[in-house]
Amino acid sequence: MTAESMTPYEAIVSKRDLRMYTAEPIADESMARILQAGRMAGSAKNIEANRLIMITDQAVQNALVNAGDFASWIGSSATIIGFASPASELRLFDVGRQAQNMMIAAHAEGIGSCPVTLGHADVARAAVGLPNDWMMPMVITLGYPVANHPDSPLKRQRVSLDDLVRHDHWS
């Protein structure tokens, strides 16, 4: 199945997080569609507080490595997208909605992605020059996947629908 022939459902169920990318920059047309997918995500009370920071500068990417406990690899991506929000308006669900839209759009473009939590707010803020009253709790990495991308050592079977879904009550 090629990216051009993927249905939305196929894009959702076939998307996997990838952490190894080629050095090839992302095509402008693809990046525009990925950013538009993020722009079109809903937001609580329609406030649209989040702003996206597109990071291609290697020095900034390298500075962001120290903003997350499990982010040592993020500087190898072609682009990092940061999700910034005023601290008073931060809604993590809205950040997640934008991120998921963008990662599915990227997958449909043949571009790999992975979400990364940034647990060190001051480091993230300094890396991209955010004002003190703004936060950037997560980023997504984007890049063209390397050939023969290895499976994650954490890969396992997904929980079955029978184990996942409860009907009307817990038991």
Protein backbone atom coordinates (compact mmCIF):
# COMPACT_ATOMS: atom_id res chain seq x y z
CA MET A 1 0.00 0.00 0.00
CA THR A 2 1.43 3.38 -0.98
CA ALA A 3 0.90 6.57 0.97
CA GLU A 4 -1.19 7.96 -1.89
CA SER A 5 -3.68 5.08 -1.70
CA MET A 6 -4.03 4.97 2.10
CA THR A 7 -7.47 5.55 3.56
CA PRO A 8 -7.63 7.54 6.79
CA TYR A 9 -8.33 4.33 8.70
CA GLU A 10 -5.34 2.58 7.11
CA ALA A 11 -3.11 5.55 7.94
CA ILE A 12 -4.21 5.40 11.59
CA VAL A 13 -3.83 1.65 12.11
CA SER A 14 -0.55 1.29 10.18
CA LYS A 15 1.29 4.29 11.72
CA ARG A 16 4.19 3.35 14.00
CA ASP A 17 6.55 5.57 15.97
CA LEU A 18 9.95 5.77 14.30
CA ARG A 19 13.17 7.09 15.78
CA MET A 20 15.64 6.66 12.92
CA TYR A 21 15.56 8.94 9.90
CA THR A 22 17.53 9.74 6.78
CA ALA A 23 19.22 13.15 6.48
CA GLU A 24 16.84 14.16 3.66
CA PRO A 25 14.93 17.38 4.42
CA ILE A 26 11.15 17.16 4.34
CA ALA A 27 9.60 18.48 1.14
CA ASP A 28 7.90 21.87 1.55
CA GLU A 29 4.60 20.58 0.15
CA SER A 30 4.54 17.69 2.62
CA MET A 31 5.45 19.95 5.54
CA ALA A 32 2.66 22.36 4.59
CA ARG A 33 0.11 19.51 4.70
CA ILE A 34 1.47 18.26 8.04
CA LEU A 35 1.28 21.74 9.57
CA GLN A 36 -2.23 22.25 8.15
CA ALA A 37 -3.33 18.96 9.75
CA GLY A 38 -2.13 20.34 13.09
CA ARG A 39 -3.86 23.66 12.50
CA MET A 40 -7.17 21.92 11.86
CA ALA A 41 -7.19 19.99 15.16
CA GLY A 42 -9.95 21.01 17.51
CA SER A 43 -9.23 22.83 20.76
CA ALA A 44 -11.11 23.22 24.03
CA LYS A 45 -13.52 26.14 23.84
CA ASN A 46 -12.01 26.79 20.39
CA ILE A 47 -9.28 28.96 21.94
CA GLU A 48 -6.47 27.66 19.68
CA ALA A 49 -3.84 28.62 22.27
CA ASN A 50 -1.09 26.33 20.97
CA ARG A 51 1.63 27.55 18.65
CA LEU A 52 3.92 25.31 16.64
CA ILE A 53 7.68 25.80 16.54
CA MET A 54 9.27 24.15 13.50
CA ILE A 55 12.88 23.33 14.38
CA THR A 56 15.38 22.43 11.68
CA ASP A 57 18.44 24.21 13.12
CA GLN A 58 20.80 21.51 14.41
CA ALA A 59 21.99 23.58 17.38
CA VAL A 60 18.41 24.06 18.60
CA GLN A 61 17.64 20.38 18.07
CA ASN A 62 20.74 19.45 20.06
CA ALA A 63 19.70 21.79 22.89
CA LEU A 64 16.30 20.09 23.04
CA VAL A 65 17.93 16.70 23.62
CA ASN A 66 18.46 17.74 27.27
CA ALA A 67 14.81 18.76 27.70
CA GLY A 68 13.58 15.17 27.82
CA ASP A 69 14.70 12.15 29.83
CA PHE A 70 14.38 9.85 26.82
CA ALA A 71 15.22 12.31 24.04
CA SER A 72 18.86 11.53 23.25
CA TRP A 73 18.05 10.62 19.64
CA ILE A 74 15.81 13.55 18.62
CA GLY A 75 18.61 15.62 17.05
CA SER A 76 18.83 13.08 14.21
CA SER A 77 15.43 14.04 12.80
CA ALA A 78 14.98 16.31 9.81
CA THR A 79 12.47 18.47 11.68
CA ILE A 80 11.19 18.75 15.21
CA ILE A 81 7.80 20.34 15.82
CA GLY A 82 7.37 21.85 19.29
CA PHE A 83 3.93 22.44 20.78
CA ALA A 84 4.04 25.67 22.77
CA SER A 85 1.23 27.11 24.83
CA PRO A 86 0.75 29.84 27.41
CA ALA A 87 1.04 28.07 30.79
CA SER A 88 -2.37 29.45 31.81
CA GLU A 89 -4.01 27.93 28.72
CA LEU A 90 -2.11 24.62 28.48
CA ARG A 91 -4.44 21.76 27.67
CA LEU A 92 -2.48 18.57 27.11
CA PHE A 93 -5.41 16.93 25.35
CA ASP A 94 -5.32 19.69 22.72
CA VAL A 95 -1.57 19.24 22.30
CA GLY A 96 -2.14 15.52 21.78
CA ARG A 97 -4.89 16.13 19.24
CA GLN A 98 -2.61 18.37 17.18
CA ALA A 99 0.30 15.97 17.46
CA GLN A 100 -1.74 12.93 16.42
CA ASN A 101 -3.23 14.78 13.43
CA MET A 102 0.24 15.77 12.31
CA MET A 103 1.78 12.33 12.81
CA ILE A 104 -0.99 10.63 10.82
CA ALA A 105 -0.66 13.23 8.05
CA ALA A 106 3.11 12.66 8.04
CA HIS A 107 2.64 8.90 7.80
CA ALA A 108 0.31 9.37 4.83
CA GLU A 109 3.13 11.42 3.21
CA GLY A 110 5.66 8.61 3.80
CA ILE A 111 7.31 10.51 6.65
CA GLY A 112 8.08 8.90 10.00
CA SER A 113 7.36 10.53 13.35
CA CYS A 114 7.52 10.03 17.08
CA PRO A 115 6.11 12.00 20.04
CA VAL A 116 8.55 13.01 22.77
CA THR A 117 7.65 14.33 26.21
CA LEU A 118 9.84 17.18 27.46
CA GLY A 119 9.97 16.88 31.23
CA HIS A 120 12.45 19.71 31.80
CA ALA A 121 10.39 22.81 31.04
CA ASP A 122 13.17 25.32 31.69
CA VAL A 123 15.54 23.56 29.29
CA ALA A 124 12.85 23.39 26.56
CA ARG A 125 11.91 27.03 27.14
CA ALA A 126 15.55 28.17 26.88
CA ALA A 127 16.26 26.04 23.80
CA VAL A 128 13.60 27.78 21.72
CA GLY A 129 13.47 31.15 23.50
CA LEU A 130 9.97 30.86 24.93
CA PRO A 131 8.76 33.54 27.35
CA ASN A 132 8.63 32.42 31.01
CA ASP A 133 4.84 32.17 30.98
CA TRP A 134 4.83 29.69 28.06
CA MET A 135 5.45 25.93 28.08
CA MET A 136 6.47 23.37 25.49
CA PRO A 137 5.55 20.00 27.06
CA MET A 138 6.18 17.89 23.99
CA VAL A 139 7.56 17.73 20.49
CA ILE A 140 7.22 15.38 17.58
CA THR A 141 10.15 14.35 15.44
CA LEU A 142 9.71 14.04 11.69
CA GLY A 143 11.88 12.52 8.99
CA TYR A 144 11.99 10.07 6.14
CA PRO A 145 12.45 6.58 7.62
CA VAL A 146 15.73 4.76 7.15
CA ALA A 147 15.53 1.58 5.08
CA ASN A 148 14.96 -1.51 7.19
CA HIS A 149 14.05 0.45 10.32
CA PRO A 150 14.53 -1.99 13.20
CA ASP A 151 11.61 -2.88 15.44
CA SER A 152 11.59 -1.25 18.84
CA PRO A 153 12.97 -3.46 21.61
CA LEU A 154 9.73 -2.62 23.44
CA LYS A 155 7.50 -3.87 20.61
CA ARG A 156 4.75 -6.22 21.74
CA GLN A 157 1.31 -7.37 20.70
CA ARG A 158 -1.42 -4.78 21.10
CA VAL A 159 -4.01 -5.37 23.79
CA SER A 160 -6.99 -7.17 22.24
CA LEU A 161 -10.27 -5.30 21.85
CA ASP A 162 -11.87 -7.74 24.31
CA ASP A 163 -9.29 -6.76 26.95
CA LEU A 164 -9.40 -3.08 26.06
CA VAL A 165 -13.13 -2.34 25.97
CA ARG A 166 -15.59 -2.57 28.85
CA HIS A 167 -19.31 -2.16 28.23
CA ASP A 168 -21.41 0.05 30.51
CA HIS A 169 -19.46 -0.92 33.69
CA TRP A 170 -15.94 -1.93 34.67
CA SER A 171 -16.81 -5.61 35.08
